[in-house]
């Protein structure tokens, strides 16, 4: 499998999937780099904040997590 050539911001993911940014950030906590979640850092400072980004696979995984969340909410485990 080829390495990702681009990543998508959490803000893009929220707009693409039609949910609030807070939902994406919460779901991202459940994800690992293998699932398509990355951190982007633009400074070597110790207190630099990292931006959350997703590969195309990460966007697909977020969509799956949203589906599961919706099913759980509706009581259809």
N, C-alpha and C. Protein backbone atom coordinates (compact mmCIF):
# COMPACT_ATOMS: atom_id res chain seq x y z
N UNK A 1 0.84 -1.17 0.00
CA UNK A 1 0.00 0.00 0.00
C UNK A 1 0.89 1.24 0.00
N UNK A 2 0.57 2.21 -0.82
CA UNK A 2 1.36 3.44 -0.91
C UNK A 2 1.12 4.32 0.31
N UNK A 3 2.13 5.07 0.65
CA UNK A 3 2.01 6.01 1.76
C UNK A 3 1.09 7.16 1.37
N UNK A 4 0.34 7.72 2.34
CA UNK A 4 -0.55 8.84 2.02
C UNK A 4 0.24 10.04 1.51
N UNK A 5 -0.30 10.71 0.52
CA UNK A 5 0.36 11.89 -0.03
C UNK A 5 -0.28 13.18 0.45
N UNK A 6 -1.42 13.07 1.12
CA UNK A 6 -2.07 14.25 1.68
C UNK A 6 -2.88 13.84 2.91
N UNK A 7 -3.15 14.83 3.75
CA UNK A 7 -3.99 14.61 4.91
C UNK A 7 -5.05 15.69 4.96
N UNK A 8 -6.09 15.44 5.75
CA UNK A 8 -7.22 16.34 5.85
C UNK A 8 -7.36 16.81 7.29
N UNK A 9 -7.65 18.07 7.49
CA UNK A 9 -7.79 18.62 8.83
C UNK A 9 -9.08 18.12 9.48
N UNK A 10 -9.12 18.26 10.79
CA UNK A 10 -10.33 17.91 11.53
C UNK A 10 -11.50 18.77 11.08
N UNK A 11 -11.23 20.04 10.79
CA UNK A 11 -12.29 20.93 10.32
C UNK A 11 -12.86 20.43 8.98
N UNK A 12 -11.97 19.99 8.09
CA UNK A 12 -12.43 19.42 6.81
C UNK A 12 -13.27 18.18 7.06
N UNK A 13 -12.79 17.30 7.94
CA UNK A 13 -13.51 16.06 8.24
C UNK A 13 -14.91 16.36 8.76
N UNK A 14 -15.02 17.35 9.65
CA UNK A 14 -16.33 17.71 10.21
C UNK A 14 -17.28 18.18 9.11
N UNK A 15 -16.78 19.04 8.24
CA UNK A 15 -17.62 19.55 7.16
C UNK A 15 -17.98 18.43 6.18
N UNK A 16 -17.00 17.60 5.84
CA UNK A 16 -17.20 16.49 4.90
C UNK A 16 -18.24 15.49 5.42
N UNK A 17 -18.19 15.23 6.73
CA UNK A 17 -19.09 14.24 7.33
C UNK A 17 -20.36 14.85 7.91
N UNK A 18 -20.47 16.17 7.89
CA UNK A 18 -21.69 16.84 8.33
C UNK A 18 -21.92 16.81 9.82
N UNK A 19 -20.84 16.90 10.62
CA UNK A 19 -20.95 16.91 12.07
C UNK A 19 -20.13 18.06 12.64
N UNK A 20 -20.34 18.32 13.93
CA UNK A 20 -19.58 19.38 14.60
C UNK A 20 -18.13 18.97 14.78
N UNK A 21 -17.26 19.95 14.79
CA UNK A 21 -15.84 19.74 15.00
C UNK A 21 -15.58 19.03 16.32
N UNK A 22 -16.37 19.34 17.35
CA UNK A 22 -16.22 18.70 18.66
C UNK A 22 -16.41 17.18 18.55
N UNK A 23 -17.33 16.75 17.72
CA UNK A 23 -17.58 15.31 17.54
C UNK A 23 -16.36 14.65 16.91
N UNK A 24 -15.80 15.29 15.90
CA UNK A 24 -14.61 14.75 15.23
C UNK A 24 -13.45 14.66 16.22
N UNK A 25 -13.24 15.70 17.00
CA UNK A 25 -12.14 15.69 17.97
C UNK A 25 -12.34 14.59 19.02
N UNK A 26 -13.57 14.36 19.43
CA UNK A 26 -13.86 13.30 20.40
C UNK A 26 -13.59 11.92 19.79
N UNK A 27 -14.04 11.70 18.57
CA UNK A 27 -13.82 10.43 17.90
C UNK A 27 -12.33 10.20 17.62
N UNK A 28 -11.61 11.26 17.34
CA UNK A 28 -10.19 11.15 17.05
C UNK A 28 -9.41 10.59 18.23
N UNK A 29 -9.90 10.82 19.43
CA UNK A 29 -9.24 10.29 20.62
C UNK A 29 -9.24 8.77 20.64
N UNK A 30 -10.19 8.15 19.94
CA UNK A 30 -10.30 6.70 19.88
C UNK A 30 -9.42 6.11 18.78
N UNK A 31 -8.81 6.96 17.97
CA UNK A 31 -8.08 6.50 16.81
C UNK A 31 -6.57 6.49 17.04
N UNK A 32 -5.89 5.63 16.32
CA UNK A 32 -4.43 5.54 16.34
C UNK A 32 -3.91 5.90 14.95
N UNK A 33 -2.62 6.13 14.83
CA UNK A 33 -2.06 6.41 13.50
C UNK A 33 -2.39 5.32 12.48
N UNK A 34 -2.44 4.07 12.92
CA UNK A 34 -2.78 2.98 12.01
C UNK A 34 -4.19 3.12 11.46
N UNK A 35 -5.05 3.81 12.19
CA UNK A 35 -6.42 4.04 11.75
C UNK A 35 -6.58 5.27 10.89
N UNK A 36 -5.48 6.00 10.69
CA UNK A 36 -5.53 7.17 9.82
C UNK A 36 -5.55 8.50 10.52
N UNK A 37 -5.25 8.54 11.81
CA UNK A 37 -5.19 9.79 12.55
C UNK A 37 -3.73 10.19 12.74
N UNK A 38 -3.42 11.43 12.43
CA UNK A 38 -2.06 11.95 12.58
C UNK A 38 -2.09 13.26 13.34
N UNK A 39 -0.94 13.62 13.88
CA UNK A 39 -0.78 14.92 14.50
C UNK A 39 0.20 15.73 13.65
N UNK A 40 -0.14 16.99 13.42
CA UNK A 40 0.70 17.87 12.63
C UNK A 40 1.21 18.96 13.55
N UNK A 41 2.52 19.10 13.61
CA UNK A 41 3.15 20.08 14.49
C UNK A 41 3.97 21.03 13.63
N UNK A 42 3.82 22.32 13.85
CA UNK A 42 4.56 23.27 13.03
C UNK A 42 5.63 24.04 13.81
N UNK A 43 6.01 23.50 14.96
CA UNK A 43 7.02 24.17 15.77
C UNK A 43 7.76 23.14 16.63
N UNK A 44 8.99 23.42 16.93
CA UNK A 44 9.77 22.54 17.81
C UNK A 44 9.67 22.98 19.27
N UNK A 45 8.89 24.02 19.54
CA UNK A 45 8.70 24.49 20.91
C UNK A 45 8.05 23.39 21.74
N UNK A 46 8.44 23.31 23.01
CA UNK A 46 7.89 22.29 23.91
C UNK A 46 6.39 22.43 24.10
N UNK A 47 5.88 23.66 24.00
CA UNK A 47 4.45 23.89 24.23
C UNK A 47 3.65 24.02 22.93
N UNK A 48 4.23 23.59 21.82
CA UNK A 48 3.54 23.69 20.54
C UNK A 48 2.30 22.79 20.52
N UNK A 49 1.22 23.32 20.00
CA UNK A 49 -0.01 22.55 19.88
C UNK A 49 0.03 21.74 18.59
N UNK A 50 -0.56 20.58 18.63
CA UNK A 50 -0.65 19.73 17.45
C UNK A 50 -2.04 19.83 16.84
N UNK A 51 -2.10 19.90 15.54
CA UNK A 51 -3.37 19.88 14.83
C UNK A 51 -3.67 18.43 14.46
N UNK A 52 -4.93 18.05 14.57
CA UNK A 52 -5.35 16.70 14.21
C UNK A 52 -5.57 16.66 12.69
N UNK A 53 -5.08 15.60 12.07
CA UNK A 53 -5.29 15.41 10.64
C UNK A 53 -5.60 13.94 10.37
N UNK A 54 -6.21 13.69 9.24
CA UNK A 54 -6.64 12.34 8.88
C UNK A 54 -6.23 12.01 7.46
N UNK A 55 -5.83 10.77 7.26
CA UNK A 55 -5.61 10.27 5.91
C UNK A 55 -6.97 9.95 5.31
N UNK A 56 -6.99 9.57 4.03
CA UNK A 56 -8.25 9.16 3.40
C UNK A 56 -8.84 7.97 4.17
N UNK A 57 -7.98 7.04 4.58
CA UNK A 57 -8.43 5.89 5.37
C UNK A 57 -9.01 6.38 6.70
N UNK A 58 -8.41 7.40 7.29
CA UNK A 58 -8.91 7.97 8.53
C UNK A 58 -10.30 8.55 8.38
N UNK A 59 -10.55 9.22 7.25
CA UNK A 59 -11.89 9.76 7.00
C UNK A 59 -12.92 8.62 6.91
N UNK A 60 -12.54 7.54 6.24
CA UNK A 60 -13.44 6.39 6.15
C UNK A 60 -13.71 5.79 7.53
N UNK A 61 -12.66 5.70 8.34
CA UNK A 61 -12.81 5.15 9.68
C UNK A 61 -13.69 6.05 10.55
N UNK A 62 -13.52 7.37 10.43
CA UNK A 62 -14.39 8.30 11.15
C UNK A 62 -15.85 8.07 10.77
N UNK A 63 -16.10 7.86 9.49
CA UNK A 63 -17.46 7.61 9.02
C UNK A 63 -18.02 6.34 9.66
N UNK A 64 -17.19 5.30 9.78
CA UNK A 64 -17.62 4.07 10.45
C UNK A 64 -17.93 4.32 11.93
N UNK A 65 -17.05 5.09 12.58
CA UNK A 65 -17.28 5.40 14.00
C UNK A 65 -18.58 6.17 14.19
N UNK A 66 -18.87 7.08 13.27
CA UNK A 66 -20.12 7.84 13.35
C UNK A 66 -21.32 6.92 13.16
N UNK A 67 -21.22 5.97 12.23
CA UNK A 67 -22.31 5.00 12.03
C UNK A 67 -22.55 4.20 13.30
N UNK A 68 -21.47 3.73 13.92
CA UNK A 68 -21.60 2.94 15.15
C UNK A 68 -22.22 3.79 16.26
N UNK A 69 -21.79 5.04 16.35
CA UNK A 69 -22.33 5.92 17.38
C UNK A 69 -23.82 6.13 17.17
N UNK A 70 -24.21 6.30 15.92
CA UNK A 70 -25.63 6.51 15.62
C UNK A 70 -26.45 5.26 15.97
N UNK A 71 -25.94 4.09 15.63
CA UNK A 71 -26.63 2.85 15.95
C UNK A 71 -26.73 2.69 17.46
N UNK A 72 -25.67 2.99 18.19
CA UNK A 72 -25.70 2.90 19.65
C UNK A 72 -26.71 3.86 20.23
N UNK A 73 -26.77 5.07 19.69
CA UNK A 73 -27.70 6.09 20.17
C UNK A 73 -29.15 5.65 19.96
N UNK A 74 -29.38 4.98 18.85
CA UNK A 74 -30.73 4.54 18.51
C UNK A 74 -31.07 3.22 19.22
N UNK A 75 -30.12 2.67 19.97
CA UNK A 75 -30.38 1.45 20.70
C UNK A 75 -30.40 0.20 19.84
N UNK A 76 -29.68 0.28 18.71
CA UNK A 76 -29.67 -0.86 17.79
C UNK A 76 -28.29 -1.50 17.76
N UNK A 77 -27.73 -1.78 18.93
CA UNK A 77 -26.40 -2.37 19.02
C UNK A 77 -26.36 -3.55 18.13
